[in-house]
Amino acid sequence: PLHVVIGWILVVLAVVSILIGVIMALIQSDLMRLIGYTAVAEVGYMFLAIGTAVAAFGSPYATVALHGGILHVLNDALDIGLLFLVAGAIYYVTKKRSLDDIGGLARTMKFTTVFFIIGLLAVAGMPPLNGFTSKFLIYESVYQLNPILSIIALLCSILMLAIFVKVLYAAFLGPELPALKEVKEAPNSMLVAMGIVAGLAILIGLFPNLFLDTLVKPAADALLNHTQYIATVVGGI
C-alpha cells in the first residue's frame, strides 16, 4: 500500500536525521552548534514517530507512535529551548561559545548548571523528565514496526546523553579557567526564563497523562478522524 511506502520513506529519512545530528554533535566544540545538531537529531525522532504512524496506519501502535510524536514536538520545544537559553546565558556572561574556552562555571553559575542538567537529561529521554514519556512511546511503537530501528534510536539517545555529560564536565565541572574567575551568575531575567521552561519540563515528566489526555490525544484524534477535523475547522469559520 502507498501509505506503507510513504511511511518507510519518512522512517529512513528520520533515522538519517538522527544519525547525522548525533554524529555532528559529537564532533562540535561550539556549544551553540552542538545544541543545533542535537535539535536536528530530535526532529528525526519526531519524523520517526510520524513515519511509523503512517506505515502502520490502522494498527494500535500507529496511534501510540502518533501520540509519542506529538508529545515529542512539545517536549523538544521546551528541552532544546532550555539548552539554548543556557548556552545564551553562558555567552552573555563569558562572551565565549567554544567548550575549549569555558570551564568550571558551576562554581559561579550554580542555577544555570542545574538548568543545564535538567535540559540534558530531558533531551536524552531520562526519567522523570518530559523527554522520557515521548521517547518511550516512540521506542515502543517503532519496536513493533522494526526492532532494529528502535534499538538504533535508543542507542542514539544514550550517545546523546554521553555527549552532554561531556559538555557538563567541560563547561561546568572541569577546572576553572583563569580568564573566567570574575564570571558571575546569569541575570535574574535569564534565570527566571530558564526556570519556567525547566519547571514545565519537570511538570510534564511527573504528570505525562495529564498532557496526553488534554493535549496530545485530542490532537491525534483530530488528525486520524478527518471528518471530525473538517467539521471542526469549517465550524470555526
Protein backbone atom coordinates (compact mmCIF):
# COMPACT_ATOMS: atom_id res chain seq x y z
CA PRO A 1 0.00 0.00 0.00
CA LEU A 2 1.06 3.57 -0.68
CA HIS A 3 0.89 4.62 2.97
CA VAL A 4 3.39 1.91 3.88
CA VAL A 5 5.86 3.15 1.23
CA ILE A 6 5.46 6.78 2.34
CA GLY A 7 5.80 5.77 5.98
CA TRP A 8 9.03 3.88 5.37
CA ILE A 9 10.47 6.77 3.38
CA LEU A 10 9.80 9.02 6.38
CA VAL A 11 11.31 6.44 8.73
CA VAL A 12 14.51 6.15 6.68
CA LEU A 13 14.87 9.94 6.47
CA ALA A 14 14.24 10.15 10.21
CA VAL A 15 16.97 7.64 11.03
CA VAL A 16 19.39 9.52 8.75
CA SER A 17 18.49 12.77 10.52
CA ILE A 18 19.07 11.20 13.94
CA LEU A 19 22.43 9.72 12.95
CA ILE A 20 23.67 12.91 11.28
CA GLY A 21 22.54 15.04 14.21
CA VAL A 22 24.23 12.85 16.82
CA ILE A 23 27.45 12.34 14.84
CA MET A 24 27.79 16.05 14.07
CA ALA A 25 27.02 16.98 17.69
CA LEU A 26 29.73 14.57 18.79
CA ILE A 27 32.47 16.47 16.95
CA GLN A 28 31.42 20.01 17.86
CA SER A 29 33.32 22.27 20.23
CA ASP A 30 30.97 25.22 19.69
CA LEU A 31 28.17 24.87 22.24
CA MET A 32 25.53 26.58 20.09
CA ARG A 33 26.32 24.36 17.10
CA LEU A 34 26.28 21.28 19.30
CA ILE A 35 22.80 22.08 20.55
CA GLY A 36 21.72 22.90 16.98
CA TYR A 37 22.77 19.45 15.75
CA THR A 38 21.04 17.92 18.74
CA ALA A 39 17.87 19.63 17.52
CA VAL A 40 18.40 18.01 14.10
CA ALA A 41 18.53 14.60 15.79
CA GLU A 42 15.43 15.35 17.84
CA VAL A 43 13.48 16.34 14.73
CA GLY A 44 14.49 12.91 13.44
CA TYR A 45 12.72 11.31 16.39
CA MET A 46 9.57 13.26 15.56
CA PHE A 47 9.63 12.07 11.95
CA LEU A 48 10.42 8.54 13.12
CA ALA A 49 7.18 8.58 15.08
CA ILE A 50 5.21 10.10 12.19
CA GLY A 51 6.69 7.65 9.68
CA THR A 52 5.82 4.73 11.95
CA ALA A 53 2.27 6.02 12.35
CA VAL A 54 1.87 6.33 8.58
CA ALA A 55 3.46 2.95 7.78
CA ALA A 56 1.38 1.16 10.40
CA PHE A 57 -1.81 3.17 9.79
CA GLY A 58 -4.82 1.34 11.19
CA SER A 59 -2.92 -0.62 13.83
CA PRO A 60 -2.95 0.19 17.57
CA TYR A 61 0.74 1.07 17.66
CA ALA A 62 0.25 3.64 14.90
CA THR A 63 -1.81 5.64 17.39
CA VAL A 64 0.88 5.18 20.05
CA ALA A 65 3.50 6.44 17.60
CA LEU A 66 1.41 9.49 16.78
CA HIS A 67 0.92 10.25 20.47
CA GLY A 68 4.67 9.97 21.01
CA GLY A 69 5.46 12.18 18.02
CA ILE A 70 3.06 14.94 19.00
CA LEU A 71 4.22 14.92 22.62
CA HIS A 72 7.84 14.97 21.45
CA VAL A 73 7.20 18.16 19.47
CA LEU A 74 6.03 19.83 22.68
CA ASN A 75 8.83 18.34 24.75
CA ASP A 76 11.63 19.34 22.41
CA ALA A 77 10.33 22.88 22.12
CA LEU A 78 10.97 23.02 25.87
CA ASP A 79 14.13 20.90 26.15
CA ILE A 80 16.08 22.28 23.20
CA GLY A 81 14.79 25.74 24.09
CA LEU A 82 16.14 25.32 27.62
CA LEU A 83 19.56 24.25 26.36
CA PHE A 84 19.72 27.26 24.03
CA LEU A 85 18.74 29.53 26.93
CA VAL A 86 21.60 28.07 28.98
CA ALA A 87 24.03 28.49 26.08
CA GLY A 88 22.83 32.07 25.66
CA ALA A 89 23.35 32.76 29.36
CA ILE A 90 26.88 31.35 29.17
CA TYR A 91 27.68 33.53 26.17
CA TYR A 92 26.14 36.58 27.88
CA VAL A 93 28.44 36.32 30.90
CA THR A 94 31.60 34.93 29.25
CA LYS A 95 31.34 36.15 25.64
CA LYS A 96 32.55 32.68 24.64
CA ARG A 97 30.92 29.80 22.75
CA SER A 98 33.70 27.24 22.43
CA LEU A 99 33.93 24.48 25.02
CA ASP A 100 37.70 24.94 24.86
CA ASP A 101 37.34 28.45 26.27
CA ILE A 102 34.98 27.78 29.18
CA GLY A 103 35.28 25.64 32.29
CA GLY A 104 34.42 25.47 35.96
CA LEU A 105 31.27 27.54 35.54
CA ALA A 106 29.40 25.54 38.18
CA ARG A 107 31.38 27.42 40.83
CA THR A 108 29.77 30.73 39.97
CA MET A 109 26.74 29.77 37.82
CA LYS A 110 25.05 27.24 40.09
CA PHE A 111 21.47 27.81 38.92
CA THR A 112 22.48 27.77 35.27
CA THR A 113 24.30 24.49 35.90
CA VAL A 114 21.17 22.94 37.41
CA PHE A 115 19.07 24.07 34.45
CA PHE A 116 21.62 22.60 32.04
CA ILE A 117 21.48 19.25 33.84
CA ILE A 118 17.68 19.28 33.60
CA GLY A 119 17.90 20.08 29.89
CA LEU A 120 20.46 17.39 29.09
CA LEU A 121 18.52 14.70 30.99
CA ALA A 122 15.27 15.73 29.31
CA VAL A 123 16.74 15.68 25.79
CA ALA A 124 18.29 12.27 26.43
CA GLY A 125 14.89 10.94 27.50
CA MET A 126 15.77 10.21 31.11
CA PRO A 127 13.05 9.85 33.77
CA PRO A 128 11.38 11.61 35.48
CA LEU A 129 11.62 14.40 32.89
CA ASN A 130 9.32 15.07 29.96
CA GLY A 131 11.50 13.56 27.24
CA PHE A 132 11.20 10.10 28.79
CA THR A 133 7.49 9.69 28.09
CA SER A 134 7.55 10.77 24.45
CA LYS A 135 10.69 8.78 23.64
CA PHE A 136 9.32 5.71 25.41
CA LEU A 137 6.16 5.88 23.28
CA ILE A 138 8.31 6.27 20.16
CA TYR A 139 10.60 3.35 21.09
CA GLU A 140 7.60 1.15 21.89
CA SER A 141 5.80 1.81 18.61
CA VAL A 142 8.91 1.68 16.42
CA TYR A 143 9.83 -1.67 18.01
CA GLN A 144 6.55 -3.07 16.69
CA LEU A 145 7.46 -1.84 13.21
CA ASN A 146 11.11 -2.91 13.28
CA PRO A 147 13.05 -3.81 16.46
CA ILE A 148 16.41 -2.84 14.93
CA LEU A 149 15.23 0.73 14.31
CA SER A 150 14.06 1.01 17.90
CA ILE A 151 17.46 -0.17 19.15
CA ILE A 152 19.24 2.37 16.90
CA ALA A 153 17.01 5.16 18.24
CA LEU A 154 17.69 4.10 21.83
CA LEU A 155 21.45 3.86 21.30
CA CYS A 156 21.50 7.34 19.73
CA SER A 157 19.73 8.72 22.81
CA ILE A 158 22.35 7.09 25.03
CA LEU A 159 25.10 8.59 22.87
CA MET A 160 23.39 11.97 23.13
CA LEU A 161 23.42 11.65 26.91
CA ALA A 162 27.14 10.89 26.78
CA ILE A 163 27.76 13.95 24.60
CA PHE A 164 26.02 16.28 27.05
CA VAL A 165 27.70 14.71 30.06
CA LYS A 166 30.98 15.57 28.32
CA VAL A 167 29.73 19.14 27.86
CA LEU A 168 28.67 19.24 31.52
CA TYR A 169 32.16 18.31 32.62
CA ALA A 170 33.95 20.58 30.12
CA ALA A 171 31.88 23.70 30.71
CA PHE A 172 30.69 23.39 34.29
CA LEU A 173 32.57 20.79 36.32
CA GLY A 174 36.04 21.00 34.82
CA PRO A 175 38.93 23.16 36.01
CA GLU A 176 38.16 26.86 36.32
CA LEU A 177 39.94 28.89 33.68
CA PRO A 178 41.87 31.97 34.89
CA ALA A 179 40.10 34.18 32.34
CA LEU A 180 36.70 33.30 33.86
CA LYS A 181 37.43 33.96 37.53
CA GLU A 182 35.33 37.14 37.51
CA VAL A 183 32.33 35.47 35.86
CA LYS A 184 29.06 35.80 37.78
CA GLU A 185 25.70 34.06 37.61
CA ALA A 186 23.37 34.92 34.72
CA PRO A 187 20.96 37.85 35.25
CA ASN A 188 17.73 37.14 37.13
CA SER A 189 15.65 37.67 33.99
CA MET A 190 17.51 34.82 32.27
CA LEU A 191 17.26 32.60 35.34
CA VAL A 192 13.50 33.15 35.52
CA ALA A 193 13.09 32.22 31.85
CA MET A 194 15.19 29.07 32.29
CA GLY A 195 13.32 28.23 35.48
CA ILE A 196 9.91 28.45 33.81
CA VAL A 197 10.95 26.18 30.94
CA ALA A 198 12.68 23.73 33.29
CA GLY A 199 9.60 23.71 35.52
CA LEU A 200 7.37 22.80 32.58
CA ALA A 201 9.75 20.00 31.58
CA ILE A 202 9.57 18.58 35.10
CA LEU A 203 5.78 19.04 35.27
CA ILE A 204 5.18 17.13 32.03
CA GLY A 205 7.61 14.45 33.18
CA LEU A 206 5.80 13.96 36.50
CA PHE A 207 2.26 14.16 35.09
CA PRO A 208 2.50 12.92 31.47
CA ASN A 209 -1.03 11.53 31.37
CA LEU A 210 -2.46 14.96 32.13
CA PHE A 211 -0.86 16.38 28.97
CA LEU A 212 -1.52 13.25 26.93
CA ASP A 213 -5.23 13.31 27.75
CA THR A 214 -5.80 17.06 27.42
CA LEU A 215 -3.49 17.98 24.52
CA VAL A 216 -1.93 15.06 22.69
CA LYS A 217 -4.77 12.57 22.30
CA PRO A 218 -7.32 15.15 21.08
CA ALA A 219 -4.76 16.38 18.51
CA ALA A 220 -4.06 12.80 17.38
CA ASP A 221 -7.78 12.01 17.16
CA ALA A 222 -8.32 15.12 15.04
CA LEU A 223 -5.57 14.03 12.64
CA LEU A 224 -6.85 10.45 12.42
CA ASN A 225 -10.50 11.43 12.09
CA HIS A 226 -10.65 13.68 9.03
CA THR A 227 -14.42 14.12 9.26
CA GLN A 228 -14.17 15.48 12.77
CA TYR A 229 -11.21 17.66 11.79
CA ILE A 230 -13.01 19.16 8.77
CA ALA A 231 -16.17 19.75 10.80
CA THR A 232 -14.16 21.50 13.50
CA VAL A 233 -12.36 23.74 11.01
CA VAL A 234 -15.47 24.58 9.00
CA GLY A 235 -17.47 25.13 12.16
CA GLY A 236 -14.88 27.59 13.37
CA ILE A 237 -15.04 29.77 10.24
